[in-house]
Amino acid sequence: MDIIQEYFICDGCECRDFTRVYNFSLRLHGINFSDDLVYDRLNDEIYQCAKCKRTFTIDQIEEGLKNIRNKYKTQT
């Protein structure tokens, strides 16, 4: 079997190069038995196309890679 290498590409410009963009935030919420706030630290990971600057979530990229795998599974 030959080795095939396919890349996730940007839908807009078909570029395959991405940079990672991080967003850091806190999610604050109260709890019933205290006046103190409880917080969760969140790190959102977004990937930005190096050419057209369109952004993709990790879930969108995973879905794109899944589609590539499924394309080759159905061909064999």
N, C-alpha and C. Protein backbone atom coordinates (compact mmCIF):
# COMPACT_ATOMS: atom_id res chain seq x y z
N MET A 1 0.83 -1.18 0.00
CA MET A 1 0.00 0.00 0.00
C MET A 1 0.88 1.24 0.00
N ASP A 2 0.50 2.20 -0.82
CA ASP A 2 1.21 3.47 -0.87
C ASP A 2 0.89 4.31 0.36
N ILE A 3 1.80 5.20 0.68
CA ILE A 3 1.57 6.13 1.78
C ILE A 3 0.93 7.39 1.21
N ILE A 4 -0.16 7.79 1.81
CA ILE A 4 -0.88 8.98 1.38
C ILE A 4 -0.86 9.96 2.54
N GLN A 5 -0.50 11.20 2.25
CA GLN A 5 -0.53 12.22 3.29
C GLN A 5 -1.43 13.36 2.82
N GLU A 6 -2.48 13.61 3.58
CA GLU A 6 -3.41 14.70 3.28
C GLU A 6 -3.40 15.67 4.44
N TYR A 7 -3.65 16.91 4.17
CA TYR A 7 -3.63 17.95 5.18
C TYR A 7 -5.02 18.53 5.36
N PHE A 8 -5.31 18.96 6.58
CA PHE A 8 -6.48 19.80 6.81
C PHE A 8 -6.16 21.15 6.18
N ILE A 9 -7.08 21.64 5.34
CA ILE A 9 -6.84 22.92 4.67
C ILE A 9 -7.97 23.89 5.00
N CYS A 10 -7.66 25.16 4.91
CA CYS A 10 -8.63 26.22 5.14
C CYS A 10 -9.69 26.18 4.06
N ASP A 11 -10.95 26.28 4.46
CA ASP A 11 -12.05 26.28 3.49
C ASP A 11 -12.00 27.50 2.57
N GLY A 12 -11.51 28.61 3.08
CA GLY A 12 -11.54 29.85 2.32
C GLY A 12 -10.45 29.97 1.27
N CYS A 13 -9.21 29.65 1.65
CA CYS A 13 -8.09 29.90 0.73
C CYS A 13 -7.25 28.66 0.43
N GLU A 14 -7.60 27.54 1.01
CA GLU A 14 -6.91 26.25 0.81
C GLU A 14 -5.47 26.26 1.32
N CYS A 15 -5.17 27.12 2.27
CA CYS A 15 -3.86 27.13 2.92
C CYS A 15 -3.83 26.02 3.96
N ARG A 16 -2.68 25.42 4.16
CA ARG A 16 -2.57 24.35 5.16
C ARG A 16 -1.78 24.76 6.39
N ASP A 17 -1.37 26.03 6.47
CA ASP A 17 -0.57 26.52 7.59
C ASP A 17 -1.46 27.29 8.56
N PHE A 18 -1.31 26.99 9.86
CA PHE A 18 -2.13 27.61 10.89
C PHE A 18 -1.25 28.02 12.06
N THR A 19 -1.68 29.06 12.75
CA THR A 19 -1.04 29.47 13.99
C THR A 19 -2.05 29.28 15.12
N ARG A 20 -1.54 29.02 16.30
CA ARG A 20 -2.40 28.78 17.46
C ARG A 20 -2.67 30.10 18.16
N VAL A 21 -3.94 30.33 18.46
CA VAL A 21 -4.36 31.54 19.18
C VAL A 21 -5.02 31.07 20.48
N TYR A 22 -4.55 31.60 21.59
CA TYR A 22 -5.09 31.22 22.89
C TYR A 22 -5.95 32.36 23.44
N ASN A 23 -7.03 31.99 24.09
CA ASN A 23 -7.83 32.92 24.87
C ASN A 23 -7.88 32.39 26.29
N PHE A 24 -7.61 33.26 27.26
CA PHE A 24 -7.63 32.86 28.66
C PHE A 24 -8.76 33.62 29.34
N SER A 25 -9.56 32.91 30.12
CA SER A 25 -10.68 33.55 30.80
C SER A 25 -10.99 32.83 32.10
N LEU A 26 -11.76 33.49 32.91
CA LEU A 26 -12.28 32.91 34.14
C LEU A 26 -13.80 32.91 34.04
N ARG A 27 -14.41 31.83 34.45
CA ARG A 27 -15.86 31.75 34.53
C ARG A 27 -16.22 31.76 36.02
N LEU A 28 -16.90 32.83 36.44
CA LEU A 28 -17.24 33.03 37.84
C LEU A 28 -18.70 32.68 38.07
N HIS A 29 -18.97 32.02 39.19
CA HIS A 29 -20.36 31.71 39.55
C HIS A 29 -20.46 31.56 41.06
N GLY A 30 -21.63 31.88 41.55
CA GLY A 30 -21.87 31.76 42.97
C GLY A 30 -22.30 30.36 43.34
N ILE A 31 -22.24 30.06 44.61
CA ILE A 31 -22.71 28.78 45.11
C ILE A 31 -23.73 29.04 46.23
N ASN A 32 -24.62 28.13 46.43
CA ASN A 32 -25.75 28.33 47.33
C ASN A 32 -25.36 28.57 48.78
N PHE A 33 -24.35 27.91 49.27
CA PHE A 33 -24.05 27.95 50.70
C PHE A 33 -22.98 28.97 51.09
N SER A 34 -22.57 29.85 50.16
CA SER A 34 -21.52 30.80 50.47
C SER A 34 -21.70 32.07 49.65
N ASP A 35 -21.19 33.17 50.19
CA ASP A 35 -21.21 34.43 49.44
C ASP A 35 -20.00 34.56 48.51
N ASP A 36 -19.06 33.64 48.62
CA ASP A 36 -17.86 33.69 47.78
C ASP A 36 -18.18 33.20 46.37
N LEU A 37 -17.42 33.72 45.45
CA LEU A 37 -17.53 33.26 44.07
C LEU A 37 -16.57 32.10 43.83
N VAL A 38 -17.00 31.19 43.03
CA VAL A 38 -16.15 30.08 42.59
C VAL A 38 -15.82 30.35 41.14
N TYR A 39 -14.60 30.03 40.74
CA TYR A 39 -14.24 30.28 39.36
C TYR A 39 -13.62 29.04 38.73
N ASP A 40 -13.77 28.97 37.43
CA ASP A 40 -13.12 27.96 36.60
C ASP A 40 -12.22 28.70 35.63
N ARG A 41 -11.01 28.24 35.49
CA ARG A 41 -10.10 28.83 34.51
C ARG A 41 -10.29 28.09 33.20
N LEU A 42 -10.48 28.86 32.12
CA LEU A 42 -10.71 28.27 30.81
C LEU A 42 -9.61 28.70 29.85
N ASN A 43 -9.13 27.78 29.06
CA ASN A 43 -8.16 28.07 28.01
C ASN A 43 -8.77 27.63 26.70
N ASP A 44 -9.17 28.58 25.89
CA ASP A 44 -9.74 28.26 24.58
C ASP A 44 -8.61 28.23 23.57
N GLU A 45 -8.58 27.18 22.78
CA GLU A 45 -7.53 27.04 21.77
C GLU A 45 -8.17 27.16 20.40
N ILE A 46 -7.73 28.15 19.65
CA ILE A 46 -8.25 28.42 18.32
C ILE A 46 -7.07 28.43 17.36
N TYR A 47 -7.31 27.97 16.15
CA TYR A 47 -6.26 27.96 15.13
C TYR A 47 -6.65 28.94 14.03
N GLN A 48 -5.68 29.76 13.60
CA GLN A 48 -5.93 30.78 12.60
C GLN A 48 -5.13 30.49 11.34
N CYS A 49 -5.82 30.58 10.21
CA CYS A 49 -5.16 30.37 8.93
C CYS A 49 -4.07 31.43 8.75
N ALA A 50 -2.90 31.01 8.31
CA ALA A 50 -1.77 31.92 8.14
C ALA A 50 -1.97 32.86 6.95
N LYS A 51 -2.86 32.50 6.04
CA LYS A 51 -3.04 33.30 4.83
C LYS A 51 -4.23 34.25 4.94
N CYS A 52 -5.44 33.72 5.19
CA CYS A 52 -6.64 34.56 5.18
C CYS A 52 -7.14 34.92 6.57
N LYS A 53 -6.49 34.40 7.61
CA LYS A 53 -6.79 34.71 9.02
C LYS A 53 -8.13 34.15 9.51
N ARG A 54 -8.74 33.25 8.76
CA ARG A 54 -9.97 32.60 9.23
C ARG A 54 -9.62 31.71 10.42
N THR A 55 -10.51 31.60 11.38
CA THR A 55 -10.23 30.81 12.58
C THR A 55 -11.04 29.53 12.61
N PHE A 56 -10.46 28.51 13.23
CA PHE A 56 -11.08 27.20 13.37
C PHE A 56 -10.91 26.73 14.81
N THR A 57 -11.92 26.08 15.33
CA THR A 57 -11.80 25.46 16.65
C THR A 57 -11.16 24.09 16.47
N ILE A 58 -10.70 23.52 17.56
CA ILE A 58 -10.11 22.18 17.51
C ILE A 58 -11.15 21.16 17.06
N ASP A 59 -12.42 21.38 17.42
CA ASP A 59 -13.48 20.45 17.01
C ASP A 59 -13.69 20.50 15.50
N GLN A 60 -13.60 21.68 14.90
CA GLN A 60 -13.74 21.80 13.45
C GLN A 60 -12.59 21.10 12.74
N ILE A 61 -11.40 21.23 13.27
CA ILE A 61 -10.24 20.56 12.67
C ILE A 61 -10.36 19.05 12.81
N GLU A 62 -10.76 18.58 13.98
CA GLU A 62 -10.95 17.14 14.18
C GLU A 62 -12.00 16.59 13.22
N GLU A 63 -13.07 17.34 13.00
CA GLU A 63 -14.12 16.91 12.07
C GLU A 63 -13.57 16.84 10.64
N GLY A 64 -12.75 17.82 10.26
CA GLY A 64 -12.13 17.81 8.94
C GLY A 64 -11.20 16.62 8.75
N LEU A 65 -10.42 16.30 9.78
CA LEU A 65 -9.52 15.13 9.69
C LEU A 65 -10.33 13.83 9.65
N LYS A 66 -11.43 13.79 10.37
CA LYS A 66 -12.31 12.62 10.34
C LYS A 66 -12.88 12.42 8.94
N ASN A 67 -13.25 13.50 8.28
CA ASN A 67 -13.78 13.41 6.92
C ASN A 67 -12.72 12.87 5.95
N ILE A 68 -11.47 13.29 6.14
CA ILE A 68 -10.39 12.77 5.28
C ILE A 68 -10.23 11.27 5.50
N ARG A 69 -10.22 10.84 6.78
CA ARG A 69 -10.10 9.40 7.08
C ARG A 69 -11.25 8.62 6.45
N ASN A 70 -12.46 9.14 6.60
CA ASN A 70 -13.63 8.43 6.07
C ASN A 70 -13.60 8.35 4.55
N LYS A 71 -13.05 9.37 3.89
CA LYS A 71 -12.95 9.36 2.43
C LYS A 71 -12.10 8.18 1.96
N TYR A 72 -11.00 7.92 2.66
CA TYR A 72 -10.13 6.83 2.26
C TYR A 72 -10.64 5.48 2.70
N LYS A 73 -11.38 5.44 3.78
CA LYS A 73 -11.97 4.18 4.23
C LYS A 73 -13.00 3.67 3.22
N THR A 74 -13.78 4.57 2.65
CA THR A 74 -14.81 4.16 1.70
C THR A 74 -14.21 3.80 0.35
N GLN A 75 -13.02 4.28 0.04
CA GLN A 75 -12.38 3.97 -1.25
C GLN A 75 -11.77 2.58 -1.27
N THR A 76 -11.45 2.02 -0.09
CA THR A 76 -10.78 0.70 -0.07
C THR A 76 -11.74 -0.42 0.06
